[in-house]
Amino acid sequence: REIEDKIHIKLLYIPNIPDESVPTGKSEEDNI
């Protein structure tokens, strides 16, 4: 449980990876 808690805390710092179909853009205006 202690190890799982530590893993959970570390996972909170990993950002979500966008799907490959998401277009790259510099700002909100580049969203389709």
All heavy atoms as atom14 arrays in JSON, in Angstrom:
{
  "sequence": "REIEDKIHIKLLYIPNIPDESVPTGKSEEDNI",
  "atom14_mask": [
    [1, 1, 1, 1, 1, 1, 1, 1, 1, 1, 1, 0, 0, 0],
    [1, 1, 1, 1, 1, 1, 1, 1, 1, 0, 0, 0, 0, 0],
    [1, 1, 1, 1, 1, 1, 1, 1, 0, 0, 0, 0, 0, 0],
    [1, 1, 1, 1, 1, 1, 1, 1, 1, 0, 0, 0, 0, 0],
    [1, 1, 1, 1, 1, 1, 1, 1, 0, 0, 0, 0, 0, 0],
    [1, 1, 1, 1, 1, 1, 1, 1, 1, 0, 0, 0, 0, 0],
    [1, 1, 1, 1, 1, 1, 1, 1, 0, 0, 0, 0, 0, 0],
    [1, 1, 1, 1, 1, 1, 1, 1, 1, 1, 0, 0, 0, 0],
    [1, 1, 1, 1, 1, 1, 1, 1, 0, 0, 0, 0, 0, 0],
    [1, 1, 1, 1, 1, 1, 1, 1, 1, 0, 0, 0, 0, 0],
    [1, 1, 1, 1, 1, 1, 1, 1, 0, 0, 0, 0, 0, 0],
    [1, 1, 1, 1, 1, 1, 1, 1, 0, 0, 0, 0, 0, 0],
    [1, 1, 1, 1, 1, 1, 1, 1, 1, 1, 1, 1, 0, 0],
    [1, 1, 1, 1, 1, 1, 1, 1, 0, 0, 0, 0, 0, 0],
    [1, 1, 1, 1, 1, 1, 1, 0, 0, 0, 0, 0, 0, 0],
    [1, 1, 1, 1, 1, 1, 1, 1, 0, 0, 0, 0, 0, 0],
    [1, 1, 1, 1, 1, 1, 1, 1, 0, 0, 0, 0, 0, 0],
    [1, 1, 1, 1, 1, 1, 1, 0, 0, 0, 0, 0, 0, 0],
    [1, 1, 1, 1, 1, 1, 1, 1, 0, 0, 0, 0, 0, 0],
    [1, 1, 1, 1, 1, 1, 1, 1, 1, 0, 0, 0, 0, 0],
    [1, 1, 1, 1, 1, 1, 0, 0, 0, 0, 0, 0, 0, 0],
    [1, 1, 1, 1, 1, 1, 1, 0, 0, 0, 0, 0, 0, 0],
    [1, 1, 1, 1, 1, 1, 1, 0, 0, 0, 0, 0, 0, 0],
    [1, 1, 1, 1, 1, 1, 1, 0, 0, 0, 0, 0, 0, 0],
    [1, 1, 1, 1, 0, 0, 0, 0, 0, 0, 0, 0, 0, 0],
    [1, 1, 1, 1, 1, 1, 1, 1, 1, 0, 0, 0, 0, 0],
    [1, 1, 1, 1, 1, 1, 0, 0, 0, 0, 0, 0, 0, 0],
    [1, 1, 1, 1, 1, 1, 1, 1, 1, 0, 0, 0, 0, 0],
    [1, 1, 1, 1, 1, 1, 1, 1, 1, 0, 0, 0, 0, 0],
    [1, 1, 1, 1, 1, 1, 1, 1, 0, 0, 0, 0, 0, 0],
    [1, 1, 1, 1, 1, 1, 1, 1, 0, 0, 0, 0, 0, 0],
    [1, 1, 1, 1, 1, 1, 1, 1, 0, 0, 0, 0, 0, 0]
  ],
  "atom14_positions": [
    [[0.83, -1.21, 0.0], [0.0, 0.0, 0.0], [0.86, 1.26, 0.0], [0.56, 2.22, -0.7], [-0.93, 0.0, 1.21], [-2.21, -0.74, 0.94], [-3.23, -0.55, 2.05], [-3.64, -1.89, 2.45], [-3.53, -2.39, 3.67], [-3.06, -1.66, 4.65], [-3.93, -3.61, 3.93], [0.0, 0.0, 0.0], [0.0, 0.0, 0.0], [0.0, 0.0, 0.0]],
    [[1.93, 1.25, 0.78], [2.83, 2.41, 0.82], [3.46, 2.64, -0.55], [3.54, 3.78, -1.02], [3.91, 2.2, 1.87], [3.42, 2.25, 3.29], [4.5, 1.87, 4.31], [5.65, 1.6, 3.9], [4.18, 1.84, 5.5], [0.0, 0.0, 0.0], [0.0, 0.0, 0.0], [0.0, 0.0, 0.0], [0.0, 0.0, 0.0], [0.0, 0.0, 0.0]],
    [[3.9, 1.57, -1.19], [4.52, 1.68, -2.51], [3.5, 2.16, -3.54], [3.79, 3.03, -4.37], [5.15, 0.34, -2.93], [6.36, 0.04, -2.03], [5.55, 0.35, -4.4], [6.91, -1.36, -2.18], [0.0, 0.0, 0.0], [0.0, 0.0, 0.0], [0.0, 0.0, 0.0], [0.0, 0.0, 0.0], [0.0, 0.0, 0.0], [0.0, 0.0, 0.0]],
    [[2.28, 1.62, -3.48], [1.23, 2.04, -4.41], [0.91, 3.52, -4.23], [0.67, 4.23, -5.21], [-0.02, 1.19, -4.23], [0.12, -0.21, -4.79], [-1.09, -1.09, -4.5], [-1.88, -0.77, -3.57], [-1.24, -2.1, -5.2], [0.0, 0.0, 0.0], [0.0, 0.0, 0.0], [0.0, 0.0, 0.0], [0.0, 0.0, 0.0], [0.0, 0.0, 0.0]],
    [[0.89, 3.98, -2.98], [0.64, 5.41, -2.73], [1.74, 6.27, -3.34], [1.47, 7.3, -3.95], [0.54, 5.69, -1.23], [-0.75, 5.15, -0.62], [-1.69, 4.85, -1.37], [-0.8, 5.04, 0.63], [0.0, 0.0, 0.0], [0.0, 0.0, 0.0], [0.0, 0.0, 0.0], [0.0, 0.0, 0.0], [0.0, 0.0, 0.0], [0.0, 0.0, 0.0]],
    [[2.99, 5.85, -3.19], [4.11, 6.6, -3.78], [4.02, 6.61, -5.3], [4.26, 7.64, -5.93], [5.44, 5.99, -3.33], [5.77, 6.24, -1.88], [7.08, 5.6, -1.5], [7.38, 5.78, -0.01], [8.62, 5.12, 0.4], [0.0, 0.0, 0.0], [0.0, 0.0, 0.0], [0.0, 0.0, 0.0], [0.0, 0.0, 0.0], [0.0, 0.0, 0.0]],
    [[3.66, 5.48, -5.88], [3.51, 5.4, -7.34], [2.4, 6.34, -7.78], [2.55, 7.08, -8.77], [3.22, 3.96, -7.79], [4.48, 3.1, -7.62], [2.74, 3.92, -9.24], [4.24, 1.61, -7.84], [0.0, 0.0, 0.0], [0.0, 0.0, 0.0], [0.0, 0.0, 0.0], [0.0, 0.0, 0.0], [0.0, 0.0, 0.0], [0.0, 0.0, 0.0]],
    [[1.28, 6.32, -7.08], [0.15, 7.17, -7.43], [0.55, 8.64, -7.41], [0.23, 9.4, -8.33], [-1.02, 6.92, -6.47], [-2.21, 7.77, -6.74], [-3.03, 7.59, -7.81], [-2.69, 8.85, -6.07], [-3.98, 8.5, -7.8], [-3.79, 9.29, -6.74], [0.0, 0.0, 0.0], [0.0, 0.0, 0.0], [0.0, 0.0, 0.0], [0.0, 0.0, 0.0]],
    [[1.27, 9.06, -6.39], [1.72, 10.45, -6.28], [2.64, 10.8, -7.45], [2.52, 11.87, -8.06], [2.41, 10.69, -4.93], [1.37, 10.67, -3.81], [3.15, 12.02, -4.92], [1.95, 10.62, -2.42], [0.0, 0.0, 0.0], [0.0, 0.0, 0.0], [0.0, 0.0, 0.0], [0.0, 0.0, 0.0], [0.0, 0.0, 0.0], [0.0, 0.0, 0.0]],
    [[3.56, 9.92, -7.81], [4.47, 10.18, -8.93], [3.71, 10.24, -10.25], [4.02, 11.05, -11.13], [5.56, 9.13, -8.98], [6.53, 9.26, -7.81], [7.79, 8.48, -8.04], [8.7, 8.57, -6.86], [9.37, 9.82, -6.7], [0.0, 0.0, 0.0], [0.0, 0.0, 0.0], [0.0, 0.0, 0.0], [0.0, 0.0, 0.0], [0.0, 0.0, 0.0]],
    [[2.69, 9.39, -10.42], [1.91, 9.39, -11.65], [1.14, 10.69, -11.85], [0.84, 11.08, -12.98], [0.94, 8.21, -11.67], [1.57, 6.83, -11.89], [0.51, 5.74, -11.74], [2.23, 6.74, -13.25], [0.0, 0.0, 0.0], [0.0, 0.0, 0.0], [0.0, 0.0, 0.0], [0.0, 0.0, 0.0], [0.0, 0.0, 0.0], [0.0, 0.0, 0.0]],
    [[0.82, 11.37, -10.75], [0.1, 12.65, -10.87], [0.94, 13.71, -11.58], [0.4, 14.69, -12.1], [-0.31, 13.14, -9.48], [-1.38, 12.31, -8.77], [-1.58, 12.83, -7.35], [-2.69, 12.32, -9.53], [0.0, 0.0, 0.0], [0.0, 0.0, 0.0], [0.0, 0.0, 0.0], [0.0, 0.0, 0.0], [0.0, 0.0, 0.0], [0.0, 0.0, 0.0]],
    [[2.25, 13.55, -11.61], [3.14, 14.53, -12.24], [3.37, 14.24, -13.72], [3.98, 15.04, -14.41], [4.47, 14.58, -11.5], [4.35, 15.21, -10.14], [4.2, 14.44, -9.0], [4.35, 16.6, -9.99], [4.06, 15.01, -7.75], [4.2, 17.19, -8.75], [4.07, 16.39, -7.62], [3.93, 16.97, -6.39], [0.0, 0.0, 0.0], [0.0, 0.0, 0.0]],
    [[2.92, 13.1, -14.21], [3.1, 12.76, -15.62], [1.93, 13.34, -16.4], [0.77, 13.03, -16.11], [3.17, 11.23, -15.81], [4.36, 10.67, -15.04], [3.25, 10.88, -17.3], [4.43, 9.15, -15.05], [0.0, 0.0, 0.0], [0.0, 0.0, 0.0], [0.0, 0.0, 0.0], [0.0, 0.0, 0.0], [0.0, 0.0, 0.0], [0.0, 0.0, 0.0]],
    [[2.2, 14.17, -17.4], [1.09, 14.77, -18.16], [0.42, 13.74, -19.08], [1.02, 12.72, -19.43], [1.78, 15.86, -18.98], [3.18, 15.39, -19.12], [3.5, 14.63, -17.86], [0.0, 0.0, 0.0], [0.0, 0.0, 0.0], [0.0, 0.0, 0.0], [0.0, 0.0, 0.0], [0.0, 0.0, 0.0], [0.0, 0.0, 0.0], [0.0, 0.0, 0.0]],
    [[-0.83, 14.03, -19.43], [-1.52, 13.19, -20.4], [-0.9, 13.39, -21.77], [-0.6, 14.51, -22.17], [-3.0, 13.55, -20.47], [-3.75, 13.11, -19.24], [-3.37, 12.14, -18.6], [-4.81, 13.81, -18.91], [0.0, 0.0, 0.0], [0.0, 0.0, 0.0], [0.0, 0.0, 0.0], [0.0, 0.0, 0.0], [0.0, 0.0, 0.0], [0.0, 0.0, 0.0]],
    [[-0.73, 12.32, -22.5], [-0.17, 12.39, -23.85], [-1.34, 12.52, -24.82], [-2.24, 11.68, -24.82], [0.67, 11.15, -24.17], [1.83, 11.05, -23.18], [1.16, 11.18, -25.61], [2.6, 9.76, -23.26], [0.0, 0.0, 0.0], [0.0, 0.0, 0.0], [0.0, 0.0, 0.0], [0.0, 0.0, 0.0], [0.0, 0.0, 0.0], [0.0, 0.0, 0.0]],
    [[-1.35, 13.58, -25.65], [-2.46, 13.74, -26.6], [-2.47, 12.59, -27.62], [-1.44, 12.02, -27.96], [-2.15, 15.06, -27.3], [-1.16, 15.75, -26.44], [-0.42, 14.69, -25.71], [0.0, 0.0, 0.0], [0.0, 0.0, 0.0], [0.0, 0.0, 0.0], [0.0, 0.0, 0.0], [0.0, 0.0, 0.0], [0.0, 0.0, 0.0], [0.0, 0.0, 0.0]],
    [[-3.65, 12.3, -28.1], [-3.82, 11.29, -29.14], [-3.1, 11.76, -30.4], [-2.96, 12.96, -30.64], [-5.32, 11.1, -29.41], [-5.58, 9.95, -30.35], [-5.61, 8.8, -29.88], [-5.76, 10.22, -31.55], [0.0, 0.0, 0.0], [0.0, 0.0, 0.0], [0.0, 0.0, 0.0], [0.0, 0.0, 0.0], [0.0, 0.0, 0.0], [0.0, 0.0, 0.0]],
    [[-2.67, 10.81, -31.21], [-1.95, 11.14, -32.46], [-2.8, 11.98, -33.41], [-2.27, 12.73, -34.23], [-1.5, 9.87, -33.16], [-0.42, 9.12, -32.41], [-0.05, 7.8, -33.08], [-0.58, 7.5, -34.17], [0.76, 7.08, -32.49], [0.0, 0.0, 0.0], [0.0, 0.0, 0.0], [0.0, 0.0, 0.0], [0.0, 0.0, 0.0], [0.0, 0.0, 0.0]],
    [[-4.13, 11.86, -33.3], [-5.01, 12.6, -34.21], [-5.16, 14.07, -33.81], [-5.71, 14.86, -34.57], [-6.39, 11.94, -34.24], [-7.02, 12.05, -32.98], [0.0, 0.0, 0.0], [0.0, 0.0, 0.0], [0.0, 0.0, 0.0], [0.0, 0.0, 0.0], [0.0, 0.0, 0.0], [0.0, 0.0, 0.0], [0.0, 0.0, 0.0], [0.0, 0.0, 0.0]],
    [[-4.66, 14.46, -32.64], [-4.77, 15.84, -32.18], [-3.77, 16.7, -32.95], [-2.58, 16.42, -32.94], [-4.51, 15.93, -30.66], [-4.53, 17.39, -30.21], [-5.51, 15.12, -29.89], [0.0, 0.0, 0.0], [0.0, 0.0, 0.0], [0.0, 0.0, 0.0], [0.0, 0.0, 0.0], [0.0, 0.0, 0.0], [0.0, 0.0, 0.0], [0.0, 0.0, 0.0]],
    [[-4.26, 17.75, -33.63], [-3.34, 18.6, -34.39], [-2.45, 19.43, -33.46], [-2.87, 19.83, -32.39], [-4.26, 19.5, -35.21], [-5.55, 19.49, -34.49], [-5.64, 18.18, -33.77], [0.0, 0.0, 0.0], [0.0, 0.0, 0.0], [0.0, 0.0, 0.0], [0.0, 0.0, 0.0], [0.0, 0.0, 0.0], [0.0, 0.0, 0.0], [0.0, 0.0, 0.0]],
    [[-1.24, 19.68, -33.91], [-0.3, 20.5, -33.15], [-0.63, 21.97, -33.39], [-0.9, 22.38, -34.51], [1.14, 20.22, -33.6], [1.38, 18.83, -33.47], [2.14, 20.97, -32.77], [0.0, 0.0, 0.0], [0.0, 0.0, 0.0], [0.0, 0.0, 0.0], [0.0, 0.0, 0.0], [0.0, 0.0, 0.0], [0.0, 0.0, 0.0], [0.0, 0.0, 0.0]],
    [[-0.61, 22.75, -32.34], [-0.89, 24.18, -32.48], [-0.19, 24.95, -31.38], [0.25, 24.39, -30.39], [0.0, 0.0, 0.0], [0.0, 0.0, 0.0], [0.0, 0.0, 0.0], [0.0, 0.0, 0.0], [0.0, 0.0, 0.0], [0.0, 0.0, 0.0], [0.0, 0.0, 0.0], [0.0, 0.0, 0.0], [0.0, 0.0, 0.0], [0.0, 0.0, 0.0]],
    [[-0.1, 26.26, -31.59], [0.57, 27.13, -30.62], [-0.39, 27.74, -29.63], [0.0, 28.13, -28.55], [1.34, 28.23, -31.34], [2.5, 27.71, -32.16], [3.25, 28.85, -32.79], [4.41, 28.3, -33.6], [5.23, 29.34, -34.18], [0.0, 0.0, 0.0], [0.0, 0.0, 0.0], [0.0, 0.0, 0.0], [0.0, 0.0, 0.0], [0.0, 0.0, 0.0]],
    [[-1.66, 27.84, -29.99], [-2.61, 28.49, -29.11], [-3.99, 27.85, -29.28], [-4.2, 26.98, -30.12], [-2.69, 29.99, -29.4], [-3.32, 30.19, -30.65], [0.0, 0.0, 0.0], [0.0, 0.0, 0.0], [0.0, 0.0, 0.0], [0.0, 0.0, 0.0], [0.0, 0.0, 0.0], [0.0, 0.0, 0.0], [0.0, 0.0, 0.0], [0.0, 0.0, 0.0]],
    [[-4.91, 28.35, -28.52], [-6.29, 27.87, -28.55], [-6.92, 28.08, -29.92], [-7.78, 27.31, -30.35], [-7.04, 28.65, -27.48], [-8.46, 28.28, -27.28], [-9.06, 29.05, -26.12], [-8.41, 29.17, -25.07], [-10.2, 29.52, -26.29], [0.0, 0.0, 0.0], [0.0, 0.0, 0.0], [0.0, 0.0, 0.0], [0.0, 0.0, 0.0], [0.0, 0.0, 0.0]],
    [[-6.49, 29.11, -30.63], [-7.05, 29.41, -31.96], [-6.7, 28.33, -32.98], [-7.34, 28.23, -34.02], [-6.56, 30.78, -32.46], [-7.23, 31.97, -31.79], [-6.76, 32.2, -30.37], [-5.57, 31.96, -30.07], [-7.59, 32.61, -29.54], [0.0, 0.0, 0.0], [0.0, 0.0, 0.0], [0.0, 0.0, 0.0], [0.0, 0.0, 0.0], [0.0, 0.0, 0.0]],
    [[-5.66, 27.54, -32.73], [-5.26, 26.48, -33.65], [-6.11, 25.22, -33.5], [-5.96, 24.28, -34.28], [-3.78, 26.12, -33.45], [-2.85, 27.27, -33.79], [-3.22, 28.07, -34.68], [-1.79, 27.38, -33.17], [0.0, 0.0, 0.0], [0.0, 0.0, 0.0], [0.0, 0.0, 0.0], [0.0, 0.0, 0.0], [0.0, 0.0, 0.0], [0.0, 0.0, 0.0]],
    [[-6.99, 25.19, -32.49], [-7.86, 24.03, -32.3], [-8.9, 23.95, -33.4], [-9.45, 24.96, -33.84], [-8.57, 24.1, -30.94], [-7.6, 23.95, -29.79], [-6.54, 23.38, -29.94], [-7.99, 24.47, -28.64], [0.0, 0.0, 0.0], [0.0, 0.0, 0.0], [0.0, 0.0, 0.0], [0.0, 0.0, 0.0], [0.0, 0.0, 0.0], [0.0, 0.0, 0.0]],
    [[-9.18, 22.74, -33.83], [-10.17, 22.52, -34.87], [-11.44, 22.0, -34.19], [-11.4, 21.02, -33.45], [-9.68, 21.48, -35.89], [-8.4, 21.98, -36.57], [-10.75, 21.17, -36.92], [-7.71, 20.92, -37.4], [0.0, 0.0, 0.0], [0.0, 0.0, 0.0], [0.0, 0.0, 0.0], [0.0, 0.0, 0.0], [0.0, 0.0, 0.0], [0.0, 0.0, 0.0]]
  ]
}
